[in-house]
Amino acid sequence: MVNDQDYPKILFFSSDHCGPCRPVEEMLKKINISMFGKKLYIEKIDIKESINRKIIEEHRITSIPTVIIADKKITGNIQEEEIVDAVLYGFISSVKL
């Protein structure tokens, strides 16, 4: 049985002034609603806020938009299929046998 803790966490590195980030955010929302019933935890991290420096450095973020799911980092021209594949990979990699 899958519970909410089994869903992979998504880190979405963005900025309010990033044009290419808006469609990626919409894709994340759409995937979360249509495929996962709003159970994915999507943490939006604004790279312009100094409070986020540590996590930005930790994940070596050099460009936005960037999405991290499990150990998959997707950046640049992000496609919906890439996000779905990474979420499914996150599920598979979190299964404890």
Protein backbone atom coordinates (compact mmCIF):
# COMPACT_ATOMS: atom_id res chain seq x y z
CA MET A 1 0.00 0.00 0.00
CA VAL A 2 1.31 3.44 -0.95
CA ASN A 3 0.99 6.27 1.55
CA ASP A 4 1.86 9.96 1.28
CA GLN A 5 5.38 9.42 2.66
CA ASP A 6 6.11 7.11 -0.28
CA TYR A 7 5.66 9.90 -2.82
CA PRO A 8 8.92 11.45 -4.02
CA LYS A 9 9.64 15.03 -2.97
CA ILE A 10 10.16 17.48 -5.81
CA LEU A 11 12.49 20.46 -5.55
CA PHE A 12 11.64 23.17 -8.06
CA PHE A 13 14.29 25.88 -8.35
CA SER A 14 12.82 29.00 -9.88
CA SER A 15 12.41 32.76 -9.63
CA ASP A 16 9.39 35.01 -10.00
CA HIS A 17 11.14 36.79 -12.88
CA CYS A 18 11.96 33.60 -14.81
CA GLY A 19 9.82 33.31 -17.95
CA PRO A 20 10.72 29.65 -18.73
CA CYS A 21 9.93 28.68 -15.12
CA ARG A 22 6.21 29.45 -15.41
CA PRO A 23 5.36 26.64 -17.87
CA VAL A 24 7.42 24.18 -15.80
CA GLU A 25 5.49 25.13 -12.67
CA GLU A 26 2.22 24.61 -14.55
CA MET A 27 3.43 21.19 -15.77
CA LEU A 28 4.29 20.19 -12.19
CA LYS A 29 0.86 21.25 -10.97
CA LYS A 30 -0.89 19.45 -13.84
CA ILE A 31 1.06 16.21 -13.29
CA ASN A 32 0.45 16.39 -9.55
CA ILE A 33 -3.31 16.81 -9.98
CA SER A 34 -3.97 14.52 -12.94
CA MET A 35 -1.64 11.65 -12.11
CA PHE A 36 -1.11 11.75 -8.36
CA GLY A 37 -4.20 13.34 -6.83
CA LYS A 38 -2.20 16.26 -5.37
CA LYS A 39 -0.07 13.93 -3.24
CA LEU A 40 3.32 15.02 -4.55
CA TYR A 41 5.15 17.49 -2.35
CA ILE A 42 6.55 20.21 -4.59
CA GLU A 43 8.89 22.63 -2.85
CA LYS A 44 9.37 25.80 -4.90
CA ILE A 45 12.71 27.39 -4.10
CA ASP A 46 13.27 30.99 -5.20
CA ILE A 47 16.94 31.37 -6.09
CA LYS A 48 16.78 35.13 -5.45
CA GLU A 49 16.02 34.68 -1.74
CA SER A 50 19.16 34.61 0.39
CA ILE A 51 17.55 32.16 2.81
CA ASN A 52 17.82 29.51 0.07
CA ARG A 53 21.60 29.87 -0.54
CA LYS A 54 22.51 26.68 1.33
CA ILE A 55 20.11 24.40 -0.59
CA ILE A 56 21.08 26.06 -3.90
CA GLU A 57 24.76 25.40 -3.23
CA GLU A 58 24.06 21.89 -1.91
CA HIS A 59 22.36 20.91 -5.18
CA ARG A 60 24.79 22.89 -7.35
CA ILE A 61 22.06 24.89 -9.06
CA THR A 62 23.55 26.98 -11.87
CA SER A 63 20.49 27.65 -14.01
CA ILE A 64 16.73 27.78 -13.77
CA PRO A 65 14.31 26.23 -14.14
CA THR A 66 15.72 23.16 -12.43
CA VAL A 67 13.67 20.27 -11.04
CA ILE A 68 15.16 17.62 -8.75
CA ILE A 69 13.29 14.39 -8.07
CA ALA A 70 15.13 11.65 -6.17
CA ASP A 71 18.64 11.77 -7.69
CA LYS A 72 17.44 13.06 -11.08
CA LYS A 73 18.18 16.67 -11.97
CA ILE A 74 16.30 18.16 -14.92
CA THR A 75 17.22 21.62 -16.16
CA GLY A 76 16.84 23.88 -19.16
CA ASN A 77 14.10 23.11 -21.66
CA ILE A 78 12.13 20.76 -19.41
CA GLN A 79 9.53 18.52 -21.02
CA GLU A 80 6.51 16.97 -19.30
CA GLU A 81 7.69 13.44 -20.14
CA GLU A 82 10.98 14.08 -18.32
CA ILE A 83 9.12 15.09 -15.17
CA VAL A 84 6.78 12.07 -15.30
CA ASP A 85 9.73 9.72 -15.87
CA ALA A 86 11.63 11.26 -12.94
CA VAL A 87 8.62 10.98 -10.62
CA LEU A 88 8.13 7.34 -11.57
CA TYR A 89 11.86 6.74 -11.05
CA GLY A 90 11.52 8.39 -7.63
CA PHE A 91 8.75 5.94 -6.75
CA ILE A 92 10.77 2.95 -7.90
CA SER A 93 13.95 4.05 -6.14
CA SER A 94 12.09 4.64 -2.84
CA VAL A 95 10.63 1.12 -2.69
CA LYS A 96 12.17 -0.87 0.12
CA LEU A 97 12.30 -4.56 -0.59
